[in-house]
Amino acid sequence: MMTVIIQSVDKDGFMNRKVCLRWVSLFIMSVFLCLGMLIPTRIAVTLTPSLDKRIFFITFRSGEDARRGDYVLIRKENLNPSGEILPEIRSTLERAVESSIIKRIACISGDTLNGGDMLYFCNGIFIGKAKEKTENGAPAPPFEFEGTIPEGYAFITGDHRDSYDSRYFGFVRLADIAAVVRPLF
């Protein structure tokens, strides 16, 4: 063992270039191995155009820690537990490849939501407009609500006008939010 160490150091006391390259290669491979284990569990990608951002970092914060403006990850099965989703929209959700959706909290517990005439305002600030029909031409009745959002609920929206969000399926429970996510790009 001692001869290996002596042979890997040149006459000036520096490491042999070949040994140094091995250590650097080992370090780089270790970094990629660690990233390979981290990325699948901490990165979320959305393929729909409903948000301006596409890649998100999954934080350890739960939905109950979410605030207005946060992006959140919600499992599809937790959307609209009352089951009042139009059949056309339900079939679109069921065909979607993604098992979760990412939206932004536009209005949260304690905020005042005014959602009438297909226009939505949170604490007097415009947050979106509902459409009368889906992209396929099917009627899309909007969620209507005037008042204070109940404790433990949020109104979520996407950035795109065709985003399927709380304007159509109503509030989501904060407890049903899987994670708060941060946009990367």
N, C-alpha and C. Protein backbone atom coordinates (compact mmCIF):
# COMPACT_ATOMS: atom_id res chain seq x y z
N MET A 1 0.82 -1.19 0.00
CA MET A 1 0.00 0.00 0.00
C MET A 1 0.86 1.25 0.00
N MET A 2 1.93 1.20 0.75
CA MET A 2 2.82 2.35 0.84
C MET A 2 3.47 2.65 -0.50
N THR A 3 3.76 1.62 -1.25
CA THR A 3 4.40 1.84 -2.55
C THR A 3 3.47 2.53 -3.52
N VAL A 4 2.16 2.27 -3.41
CA VAL A 4 1.19 2.93 -4.29
C VAL A 4 1.18 4.43 -4.01
N ILE A 5 1.19 4.78 -2.74
CA ILE A 5 1.18 6.20 -2.37
C ILE A 5 2.46 6.87 -2.83
N ILE A 6 3.58 6.21 -2.64
CA ILE A 6 4.86 6.79 -3.04
C ILE A 6 4.92 6.92 -4.56
N GLN A 7 4.40 5.94 -5.29
CA GLN A 7 4.44 5.99 -6.74
C GLN A 7 3.50 7.04 -7.31
N SER A 8 2.42 7.41 -6.58
CA SER A 8 1.47 8.38 -7.11
C SER A 8 1.91 9.82 -6.86
N VAL A 9 3.03 10.02 -6.16
CA VAL A 9 3.54 11.37 -5.91
C VAL A 9 4.84 11.52 -6.67
N ASP A 10 4.98 12.64 -7.39
CA ASP A 10 6.22 12.84 -8.15
C ASP A 10 7.33 13.37 -7.26
N LYS A 11 8.48 13.70 -7.83
CA LYS A 11 9.65 14.09 -7.06
C LYS A 11 9.47 15.39 -6.30
N ASP A 12 8.52 16.26 -6.74
CA ASP A 12 8.27 17.52 -6.05
C ASP A 12 7.19 17.39 -4.98
N GLY A 13 6.62 16.22 -4.82
CA GLY A 13 5.60 16.00 -3.80
C GLY A 13 4.18 16.20 -4.30
N PHE A 14 3.98 16.37 -5.60
CA PHE A 14 2.63 16.55 -6.14
C PHE A 14 2.07 15.22 -6.62
N MET A 15 0.74 15.11 -6.64
CA MET A 15 0.11 13.88 -7.09
C MET A 15 0.32 13.68 -8.58
N ASN A 16 0.46 12.47 -8.95
CA ASN A 16 0.56 12.09 -10.35
C ASN A 16 -0.74 12.51 -11.05
N ARG A 17 -0.62 13.01 -12.27
CA ARG A 17 -1.77 13.50 -13.03
C ARG A 17 -2.83 12.41 -13.20
N LYS A 18 -2.43 11.19 -13.43
CA LYS A 18 -3.36 10.08 -13.64
C LYS A 18 -4.17 9.82 -12.36
N VAL A 19 -3.53 9.85 -11.21
CA VAL A 19 -4.21 9.63 -9.93
C VAL A 19 -5.17 10.78 -9.65
N CYS A 20 -4.72 11.99 -9.93
CA CYS A 20 -5.56 13.17 -9.71
C CYS A 20 -6.83 13.08 -10.57
N LEU A 21 -6.68 12.68 -11.83
CA LEU A 21 -7.84 12.54 -12.71
C LEU A 21 -8.79 11.48 -12.20
N ARG A 22 -8.29 10.42 -11.63
CA ARG A 22 -9.15 9.38 -11.06
C ARG A 22 -9.98 9.93 -9.91
N TRP A 23 -9.32 10.71 -9.02
CA TRP A 23 -10.04 11.29 -7.89
C TRP A 23 -11.10 12.29 -8.36
N VAL A 24 -10.76 13.10 -9.33
CA VAL A 24 -11.73 14.07 -9.87
C VAL A 24 -12.89 13.33 -10.52
N SER A 25 -12.60 12.29 -11.29
CA SER A 25 -13.66 11.50 -11.93
C SER A 25 -14.56 10.85 -10.89
N LEU A 26 -13.95 10.30 -9.84
CA LEU A 26 -14.73 9.68 -8.78
C LEU A 26 -15.64 10.71 -8.10
N PHE A 27 -15.11 11.90 -7.86
CA PHE A 27 -15.91 12.96 -7.25
C PHE A 27 -17.09 13.36 -8.16
N ILE A 28 -16.82 13.55 -9.44
CA ILE A 28 -17.89 13.94 -10.38
C ILE A 28 -18.95 12.86 -10.47
N MET A 29 -18.54 11.60 -10.52
CA MET A 29 -19.52 10.50 -10.58
C MET A 29 -20.34 10.46 -9.29
N SER A 30 -19.72 10.73 -8.16
CA SER A 30 -20.46 10.75 -6.88
C SER A 30 -21.49 11.87 -6.87
N VAL A 31 -21.13 13.03 -7.39
CA VAL A 31 -22.07 14.15 -7.45
C VAL A 31 -23.26 13.78 -8.33
N PHE A 32 -23.00 13.21 -9.51
CA PHE A 32 -24.10 12.83 -10.39
C PHE A 32 -24.96 11.73 -9.79
N LEU A 33 -24.36 10.82 -9.08
CA LEU A 33 -25.12 9.76 -8.42
C LEU A 33 -26.06 10.37 -7.38
N CYS A 34 -25.55 11.30 -6.58
CA CYS A 34 -26.39 11.97 -5.57
C CYS A 34 -27.50 12.76 -6.23
N LEU A 35 -27.17 13.49 -7.30
CA LEU A 35 -28.21 14.25 -8.01
C LEU A 35 -29.24 13.31 -8.62
N GLY A 36 -28.80 12.19 -9.12
CA GLY A 36 -29.72 11.21 -9.71
C GLY A 36 -30.72 10.67 -8.71
N MET A 37 -30.30 10.58 -7.46
CA MET A 37 -31.22 10.12 -6.43
C MET A 37 -32.11 11.25 -5.93
N LEU A 38 -31.62 12.48 -5.97
CA LEU A 38 -32.36 13.63 -5.45
C LEU A 38 -33.40 14.14 -6.44
N ILE A 39 -33.05 14.26 -7.69
CA ILE A 39 -33.90 14.93 -8.67
C ILE A 39 -35.28 14.29 -8.81
N PRO A 40 -35.42 12.97 -8.95
CA PRO A 40 -36.77 12.43 -9.15
C PRO A 40 -37.72 12.70 -7.99
N THR A 41 -37.21 12.88 -6.80
CA THR A 41 -38.10 13.10 -5.66
C THR A 41 -38.27 14.57 -5.32
N ARG A 42 -37.48 15.45 -5.89
CA ARG A 42 -37.54 16.87 -5.51
C ARG A 42 -37.86 17.80 -6.68
N ILE A 43 -38.02 17.27 -7.88
CA ILE A 43 -38.30 18.10 -9.04
C ILE A 43 -39.64 17.67 -9.64
N ALA A 44 -40.48 18.67 -9.96
CA ALA A 44 -41.76 18.40 -10.62
C ALA A 44 -41.77 19.16 -11.94
N VAL A 45 -42.30 18.53 -12.96
CA VAL A 45 -42.39 19.14 -14.28
C VAL A 45 -43.85 19.15 -14.70
N THR A 46 -44.33 20.30 -15.16
CA THR A 46 -45.69 20.36 -15.67
C THR A 46 -45.62 20.50 -17.19
N LEU A 47 -46.42 19.71 -17.88
CA LEU A 47 -46.40 19.70 -19.34
C LEU A 47 -47.51 20.54 -19.95
N THR A 48 -48.45 20.98 -19.13
CA THR A 48 -49.57 21.75 -19.66
C THR A 48 -49.20 23.23 -19.76
N PRO A 49 -49.87 23.95 -20.64
CA PRO A 49 -49.57 25.39 -20.78
C PRO A 49 -50.30 26.26 -19.75
N SER A 50 -50.87 25.65 -18.72
CA SER A 50 -51.65 26.44 -17.77
C SER A 50 -50.80 27.35 -16.89
N LEU A 51 -49.49 27.12 -16.84
CA LEU A 51 -48.59 27.98 -16.07
C LEU A 51 -47.47 28.49 -16.97
N ASP A 52 -46.94 29.66 -16.62
CA ASP A 52 -45.81 30.22 -17.37
C ASP A 52 -44.52 29.46 -17.08
N LYS A 53 -44.42 28.86 -15.91
CA LYS A 53 -43.23 28.10 -15.51
C LYS A 53 -43.47 26.62 -15.79
N ARG A 54 -42.39 25.86 -15.98
CA ARG A 54 -42.54 24.44 -16.30
C ARG A 54 -41.87 23.50 -15.29
N ILE A 55 -40.77 23.94 -14.68
CA ILE A 55 -40.01 23.06 -13.78
C ILE A 55 -40.02 23.67 -12.38
N PHE A 56 -40.35 22.82 -11.40
CA PHE A 56 -40.52 23.28 -10.02
C PHE A 56 -39.72 22.43 -9.06
N PHE A 57 -39.24 23.05 -7.99
CA PHE A 57 -38.56 22.36 -6.90
C PHE A 57 -39.59 22.08 -5.82
N ILE A 58 -39.70 20.83 -5.39
CA ILE A 58 -40.68 20.45 -4.38
C ILE A 58 -40.08 20.71 -3.00
N THR A 59 -40.75 21.55 -2.22
CA THR A 59 -40.27 21.87 -0.87
C THR A 59 -40.86 20.90 0.13
N PHE A 60 -40.44 21.02 1.37
CA PHE A 60 -40.98 20.18 2.43
C PHE A 60 -42.23 20.81 3.06
N ARG A 61 -42.63 22.00 2.59
CA ARG A 61 -43.80 22.66 3.16
C ARG A 61 -45.07 21.98 2.69
N SER A 62 -46.03 21.81 3.60
CA SER A 62 -47.31 21.21 3.25
C SER A 62 -48.30 22.30 2.86
N GLY A 63 -49.47 21.87 2.42
CA GLY A 63 -50.50 22.82 2.03
C GLY A 63 -50.97 23.70 3.17
N GLU A 64 -50.91 23.18 4.38
CA GLU A 64 -51.38 23.96 5.52
C GLU A 64 -50.43 25.12 5.84
N ASP A 65 -49.22 25.08 5.28
CA ASP A 65 -48.26 26.17 5.43
C ASP A 65 -48.28 27.12 4.23
N ALA A 66 -49.15 26.85 3.25
CA ALA A 66 -49.17 27.63 2.01
C ALA A 66 -49.73 29.03 2.25
N ARG A 67 -49.28 29.95 1.40
CA ARG A 67 -49.74 31.34 1.44
C ARG A 67 -50.21 31.76 0.06
N ARG A 68 -50.94 32.86 0.01
CA ARG A 68 -51.37 33.40 -1.27
C ARG A 68 -50.14 33.68 -2.13
N GLY A 69 -50.19 33.26 -3.40
CA GLY A 69 -49.08 33.45 -4.32
C GLY A 69 -48.19 32.24 -4.46
N ASP A 70 -48.27 31.29 -3.52
CA ASP A 70 -47.46 30.07 -3.61
C ASP A 70 -47.97 29.17 -4.73
N TYR A 71 -47.03 28.48 -5.37
CA TYR A 71 -47.40 27.41 -6.30
C TYR A 71 -47.53 26.14 -5.47
N VAL A 72 -48.55 25.34 -5.79
CA VAL A 72 -48.80 24.13 -5.02
C VAL A 72 -49.01 22.94 -5.94
N LEU A 73 -48.65 21.76 -5.42
CA LEU A 73 -48.82 20.50 -6.13
C LEU A 73 -49.99 19.76 -5.50
N ILE A 74 -50.96 19.38 -6.33
CA ILE A 74 -52.17 18.71 -5.85
C ILE A 74 -52.37 17.43 -6.65
N ARG A 75 -52.64 16.35 -5.97
CA ARG A 75 -52.94 15.08 -6.64
C ARG A 75 -54.31 15.20 -7.31
N LYS A 76 -54.44 14.64 -8.51
CA LYS A 76 -55.70 14.75 -9.25
C LYS A 76 -56.89 14.20 -8.48
N GLU A 77 -56.67 13.14 -7.71
CA GLU A 77 -57.80 12.54 -6.99
C GLU A 77 -58.33 13.45 -5.89
N ASN A 78 -57.59 14.48 -5.51
CA ASN A 78 -58.04 15.40 -4.47
C ASN A 78 -58.76 16.63 -5.02
N LEU A 79 -58.92 16.70 -6.32
CA LEU A 79 -59.64 17.83 -6.91
C LEU A 79 -61.13 17.61 -6.78
N ASN A 80 -61.82 18.63 -6.34
CA ASN A 80 -63.27 18.63 -6.24
C ASN A 80 -63.83 17.35 -5.64
N PRO A 81 -63.66 17.17 -4.34
CA PRO A 81 -64.15 15.94 -3.71
C PRO A 81 -65.67 15.77 -3.82
N SER A 82 -66.39 16.86 -4.10
CA SER A 82 -67.85 16.75 -4.23
C SER A 82 -68.24 16.07 -5.54
N GLY A 83 -67.28 15.95 -6.48
CA GLY A 83 -67.54 15.22 -7.71
C GLY A 83 -68.36 15.98 -8.74
N GLU A 84 -68.39 17.28 -8.66
CA GLU A 84 -69.21 18.07 -9.59
C GLU A 84 -68.42 18.52 -10.81
N ILE A 85 -67.58 17.65 -11.33
CA ILE A 85 -66.80 17.98 -12.52
C ILE A 85 -67.57 17.51 -13.74
N LEU A 86 -67.64 18.36 -14.75
CA LEU A 86 -68.34 17.98 -15.98
C LEU A 86 -67.72 16.73 -16.59
N PRO A 87 -68.53 15.86 -17.18
CA PRO A 87 -68.00 14.62 -17.76
C PRO A 87 -66.90 14.88 -18.79
N GLU A 88 -67.05 15.93 -19.62
CA GLU A 88 -66.03 16.23 -20.64
C GLU A 88 -64.70 16.59 -19.98
N ILE A 89 -64.78 17.36 -18.92
CA ILE A 89 -63.57 17.79 -18.23
C ILE A 89 -62.99 16.63 -17.42
N ARG A 90 -63.84 15.82 -16.81
CA ARG A 90 -63.38 14.66 -16.05
C ARG A 90 -62.61 13.71 -16.98
N SER A 91 -63.13 13.46 -18.18
CA SER A 91 -62.44 12.55 -19.09
C SER A 91 -61.10 13.14 -19.53
N THR A 92 -61.00 14.44 -19.67
CA THR A 92 -59.73 15.08 -20.00
C THR A 92 -58.74 14.89 -18.87
N LEU A 93 -59.19 15.09 -17.64
CA LEU A 93 -58.31 14.89 -16.48
C LEU A 93 -57.85 13.45 -16.36
N GLU A 94 -58.75 12.50 -16.63
CA GLU A 94 -58.40 11.10 -16.52
C GLU A 94 -57.40 10.67 -17.59
N ARG A 95 -57.47 11.30 -18.77
CA ARG A 95 -56.53 10.97 -19.85
C ARG A 95 -55.17 11.63 -19.65
N ALA A 96 -55.09 12.63 -18.82
CA ALA A 96 -53.83 13.34 -18.62
C ALA A 96 -52.76 12.40 -18.10
N VAL A 97 -51.55 12.59 -18.58
CA VAL A 97 -50.43 11.75 -18.18
C VAL A 97 -50.04 12.05 -16.74
N GLU A 98 -50.11 13.30 -16.37
CA GLU A 98 -49.68 13.71 -15.04
C GLU A 98 -50.66 13.24 -13.98
N SER A 99 -50.16 12.77 -12.85
CA SER A 99 -51.02 12.34 -11.76
C SER A 99 -51.29 13.48 -10.79
N SER A 100 -50.59 14.59 -10.98
CA SER A 100 -50.75 15.76 -10.13
C SER A 100 -50.83 17.00 -11.01
N ILE A 101 -51.36 18.07 -10.43
CA ILE A 101 -51.35 19.34 -11.14
C ILE A 101 -50.65 20.37 -10.26
N ILE A 102 -50.13 21.39 -10.90
CA ILE A 102 -49.50 22.50 -10.20
C ILE A 102 -50.26 23.77 -10.56
N LYS A 103 -50.68 24.49 -9.55
CA LYS A 103 -51.39 25.76 -9.73
C LYS A 103 -50.87 26.75 -8.69
N ARG A 104 -51.31 27.99 -8.82
CA ARG A 104 -50.91 29.03 -7.88
C ARG A 104 -52.09 29.38 -6.98
N ILE A 105 -51.85 29.59 -5.69
CA ILE A 105 -52.92 30.00 -4.79
C ILE A 105 -53.21 31.48 -5.05
N ALA A 106 -54.42 31.75 -5.51
CA ALA A 106 -54.82 33.12 -5.82
C ALA A 106 -55.56 33.76 -4.65
N CYS A 107 -56.22 32.96 -3.85
CA CYS A 107 -57.00 33.46 -2.73
C CYS A 107 -57.03 32.35 -1.68
N ILE A 108 -56.93 32.70 -0.40
CA ILE A 108 -56.78 31.68 0.64
C ILE A 108 -57.72 31.98 1.80
N SER A 109 -57.84 31.06 2.73
CA SER A 109 -58.71 31.19 3.91
C SER A 109 -58.64 32.60 4.49
N GLY A 110 -59.82 33.17 4.74
CA GLY A 110 -59.90 34.49 5.33
C GLY A 110 -59.96 35.62 4.32
N ASP A 111 -59.56 35.35 3.06
CA ASP A 111 -59.65 36.36 2.00
C ASP A 111 -61.09 36.45 1.50
N THR A 112 -61.42 37.59 0.92
CA THR A 112 -62.75 37.77 0.34
C THR A 112 -62.69 37.47 -1.14
N LEU A 113 -63.49 36.50 -1.58
CA LEU A 113 -63.56 36.13 -2.99
C LEU A 113 -64.90 36.58 -3.55
N ASN A 114 -64.84 37.32 -4.63
CA ASN A 114 -66.04 37.71 -5.36
C ASN A 114 -65.96 37.03 -6.72
N GLY A 115 -66.84 36.05 -6.93
CA GLY A 115 -66.83 35.29 -8.18
C GLY A 115 -68.21 35.27 -8.79
N GLY A 116 -68.53 36.33 -9.47
CA GLY A 116 -69.82 36.42 -10.15
C GLY A 116 -69.63 37.00 -11.53
N ASP A 117 -70.57 36.78 -12.42
CA ASP A 117 -70.49 37.24 -13.81
C ASP A 117 -69.20 36.77 -14.48
N MET A 118 -68.72 35.59 -14.08
CA MET A 118 -67.55 34.94 -14.65
C MET A 118 -66.24 35.68 -14.39
N LEU A 119 -66.27 36.70 -13.52
CA LEU A 119 -65.07 37.43 -13.13
C LEU A 119 -64.74 37.12 -11.68
N TYR A 120 -63.45 37.02 -11.37
CA TYR A 120 -63.04 36.65 -10.02
C TYR A 120 -62.09 37.71 -9.45
N PHE A 121 -62.40 38.12 -8.21
CA PHE A 121 -61.60 39.11 -7.50
C PHE A 121 -61.29 38.57 -6.11
N CYS A 122 -60.03 38.72 -5.68
CA CYS A 122 -59.62 38.35 -4.34
C CYS A 122 -59.25 39.64 -3.61
N ASN A 123 -59.98 39.93 -2.56
CA ASN A 123 -59.77 41.16 -1.80
C ASN A 123 -59.79 42.38 -2.72
N GLY A 124 -60.66 42.34 -3.74
CA GLY A 124 -60.82 43.46 -4.66
C GLY A 124 -59.85 43.47 -5.83
N ILE A 125 -58.91 42.54 -5.89
CA ILE A 125 -57.92 42.49 -6.97
C ILE A 125 -58.33 41.41 -7.97
N PHE A 126 -58.38 41.78 -9.26
CA PHE A 126 -58.78 40.86 -10.31
C PHE A 126 -57.80 39.69 -10.39
N ILE A 127 -58.33 38.45 -10.38
CA ILE A 127 -57.47 37.27 -10.47
C ILE A 127 -57.79 36.38 -11.67
N GLY A 128 -58.90 36.63 -12.36
CA GLY A 128 -59.18 35.81 -13.53
C GLY A 128 -60.61 35.90 -14.01
N LYS A 129 -60.81 35.33 -15.17
CA LYS A 129 -62.14 35.29 -15.80
C LYS A 129 -62.41 33.87 -16.27
N ALA A 130 -63.60 33.40 -16.01
CA ALA A 130 -63.99 32.05 -16.46
C ALA A 130 -64.50 32.13 -17.90
N LYS A 131 -64.43 31.01 -18.58
CA LYS A 131 -64.94 30.91 -19.94
C LYS A 131 -66.28 30.19 -19.91
N GLU A 132 -67.10 30.44 -20.91
CA GLU A 132 -68.41 29.79 -20.98
C GLU A 132 -68.31 28.35 -21.48
N LYS A 133 -67.29 28.07 -22.30
CA LYS A 133 -67.15 26.74 -22.90
C LYS A 133 -65.72 26.25 -22.80
N THR A 134 -65.57 24.93 -22.83
CA THR A 134 -64.24 24.33 -22.84
C THR A 134 -63.64 24.51 -24.23
N GLU A 135 -62.39 24.10 -24.40
CA GLU A 135 -61.75 24.18 -25.71
C GLU A 135 -62.49 23.34 -26.75
N ASN A 136 -63.21 22.29 -26.28
CA ASN A 136 -63.97 21.41 -27.18
C ASN A 136 -65.37 21.93 -27.47
N GLY A 137 -65.74 23.07 -26.87
CA GLY A 137 -67.05 23.65 -27.11
C GLY A 137 -68.12 23.21 -26.13
N ALA A 138 -67.79 22.37 -25.18
CA ALA A 138 -68.76 21.92 -24.17
C ALA A 138 -68.97 23.04 -23.15
N PRO A 139 -70.18 23.15 -22.60
CA PRO A 139 -70.41 24.19 -21.59
C PRO A 139 -69.54 23.96 -20.35
N ALA A 140 -69.04 25.05 -19.80
CA ALA A 140 -68.18 24.97 -18.61
C ALA A 140 -68.75 25.92 -17.56
N PRO A 141 -69.72 25.44 -16.77
CA PRO A 141 -70.30 26.33 -15.77
C PRO A 141 -69.26 26.77 -14.74
N PRO A 142 -69.18 28.06 -14.48
CA PRO A 142 -68.17 28.54 -13.53
C PRO A 142 -68.59 28.32 -12.08
N PHE A 143 -67.60 28.26 -11.22
CA PHE A 143 -67.82 28.21 -9.78
C PHE A 143 -68.22 29.61 -9.33
N GLU A 144 -69.30 29.71 -8.60
CA GLU A 144 -69.76 31.01 -8.13
C GLU A 144 -69.69 31.06 -6.62
N PHE A 145 -69.14 32.18 -6.13
CA PHE A 145 -69.00 32.35 -4.69
C PHE A 145 -68.82 33.83 -4.39
N GLU A 146 -69.48 34.30 -3.37
CA GLU A 146 -69.32 35.67 -2.88
C GLU A 146 -69.15 35.58 -1.38
N GLY A 147 -67.98 35.99 -0.87
CA GLY A 147 -67.80 35.98 0.57
C GLY A 147 -66.39 35.63 0.99
N THR A 148 -66.26 35.27 2.25
CA THR A 148 -64.95 34.93 2.82
C THR A 148 -64.67 33.45 2.60
N ILE A 149 -63.48 33.16 2.12
CA ILE A 149 -63.10 31.77 1.90
C ILE A 149 -63.02 31.06 3.25
N PRO A 150 -63.68 29.92 3.37
CA PRO A 150 -63.69 29.19 4.66
C PRO A 150 -62.29 28.77 5.11
N GLU A 151 -62.15 28.59 6.40
CA GLU A 151 -60.89 28.15 6.99
C GLU A 151 -60.49 26.79 6.41
N GLY A 152 -59.21 26.68 6.01
CA GLY A 152 -58.70 25.41 5.50
C GLY A 152 -58.90 25.20 4.01
N TYR A 153 -59.30 26.25 3.28
CA TYR A 153 -59.53 26.12 1.83
C TYR A 153 -58.78 27.20 1.07
N ALA A 154 -58.60 26.96 -0.24
CA ALA A 154 -57.93 27.93 -1.11
C ALA A 154 -58.57 27.91 -2.49
N PHE A 155 -58.41 29.01 -3.20
CA PHE A 155 -58.88 29.15 -4.58
C PHE A 155 -57.61 29.20 -5.43
N ILE A 156 -57.43 28.21 -6.31
CA ILE A 156 -56.19 28.11 -7.09
C ILE A 156 -56.44 28.43 -8.55
N THR A 157 -55.44 29.02 -9.20
CA THR A 157 -55.57 29.38 -10.61
C THR A 157 -54.28 29.07 -11.36
N GLY A 158 -54.41 29.00 -12.67
CA GLY A 158 -53.25 28.90 -13.55
C GLY A 158 -53.01 30.25 -14.18
N ASP A 159 -51.95 30.37 -14.98
CA ASP A 159 -51.62 31.63 -15.64
C ASP A 159 -52.32 31.77 -16.99
N HIS A 160 -52.70 30.66 -17.58
CA HIS A 160 -53.29 30.66 -18.93
C HIS A 160 -54.81 30.78 -18.84
N ARG A 161 -55.43 31.43 -19.80
CA ARG A 161 -56.88 31.62 -19.75
C ARG A 161 -57.64 30.31 -19.90
N ASP A 162 -57.01 29.28 -20.48
CA ASP A 162 -57.66 27.98 -20.64
C ASP A 162 -57.33 27.01 -19.50
N SER A 163 -56.70 27.49 -18.45
CA SER A 163 -56.35 26.65 -17.32
C SER A 163 -57.61 26.12 -16.64
N TYR A 164 -57.62 24.83 -16.35
CA TYR A 164 -58.73 24.24 -15.60
C TYR A 164 -58.36 24.34 -14.13
N ASP A 165 -59.07 25.20 -13.41
CA ASP A 165 -58.70 25.48 -12.03
C ASP A 165 -59.94 25.79 -11.19
N SER A 166 -59.77 26.46 -10.07
CA SER A 166 -60.88 26.72 -9.15
C SER A 166 -62.01 27.54 -9.76
N ARG A 167 -61.75 28.20 -10.86
CA ARG A 167 -62.84 28.94 -11.53
C ARG A 167 -63.94 27.97 -11.97
N TYR A 168 -63.60 26.69 -12.08
CA TYR A 168 -64.57 25.69 -12.53
C TYR A 168 -64.87 24.62 -11.47
N PHE A 169 -63.87 24.20 -10.69
CA PHE A 169 -64.14 23.14 -9.72
C PHE A 169 -64.22 23.63 -8.29
N GLY A 170 -64.02 24.92 -8.05
CA GLY A 170 -64.19 25.46 -6.71
C GLY A 170 -62.94 25.36 -5.85
N PHE A 171 -63.16 25.44 -4.56
CA PHE A 171 -62.05 25.45 -3.60
C PHE A 171 -61.36 24.10 -3.52
N VAL A 172 -60.09 24.14 -3.10
CA VAL A 172 -59.37 22.93 -2.73
C VAL A 172 -59.04 23.03 -1.25
N ARG A 173 -59.01 21.89 -0.60
CA ARG A 173 -58.65 21.89 0.82
C ARG A 173 -57.14 22.01 0.95
N LEU A 174 -56.70 22.85 1.87
CA LEU A 174 -55.27 23.01 2.10
C LEU A 174 -54.65 21.68 2.52
N ALA A 175 -55.39 20.87 3.24
CA ALA A 175 -54.89 19.56 3.68
C ALA A 175 -54.66 18.62 2.50
N ASP A 176 -55.32 18.86 1.36
CA ASP A 176 -55.16 18.02 0.18
C ASP A 176 -53.99 18.43 -0.71
N ILE A 177 -53.33 19.53 -0.36
CA ILE A 177 -52.18 19.97 -1.14
C ILE A 177 -50.99 19.11 -0.73
N ALA A 178 -50.38 18.46 -1.71
CA ALA A 178 -49.27 17.54 -1.43
C ALA A 178 -48.01 18.29 -1.03
N ALA A 179 -47.74 19.44 -1.67
CA ALA A 179 -46.53 20.19 -1.36
C ALA A 179 -46.61 21.59 -1.94
N VAL A 180 -45.87 22.49 -1.34
CA VAL A 180 -45.65 23.81 -1.92
C VAL A 180 -44.42 23.65 -2.82
N VAL A 181 -44.47 24.20 -4.02
CA VAL A 181 -43.35 24.08 -4.96
C VAL A 181 -42.85 25.46 -5.34
N ARG A 182 -41.60 25.53 -5.70
CA ARG A 182 -40.95 26.78 -6.10
C ARG A 182 -40.56 26.68 -7.57
N PRO A 183 -40.95 27.67 -8.40
CA PRO A 183 -40.57 27.61 -9.81
C PRO A 183 -39.07 27.76 -10.01
N LEU A 184 -38.50 26.92 -10.85
CA LEU A 184 -37.10 27.04 -11.21
C LEU A 184 -36.96 27.76 -12.55
N PHE A 185 -37.74 27.31 -13.54
CA PHE A 185 -37.83 27.99 -14.84
C PHE A 185 -38.87 27.31 -15.69
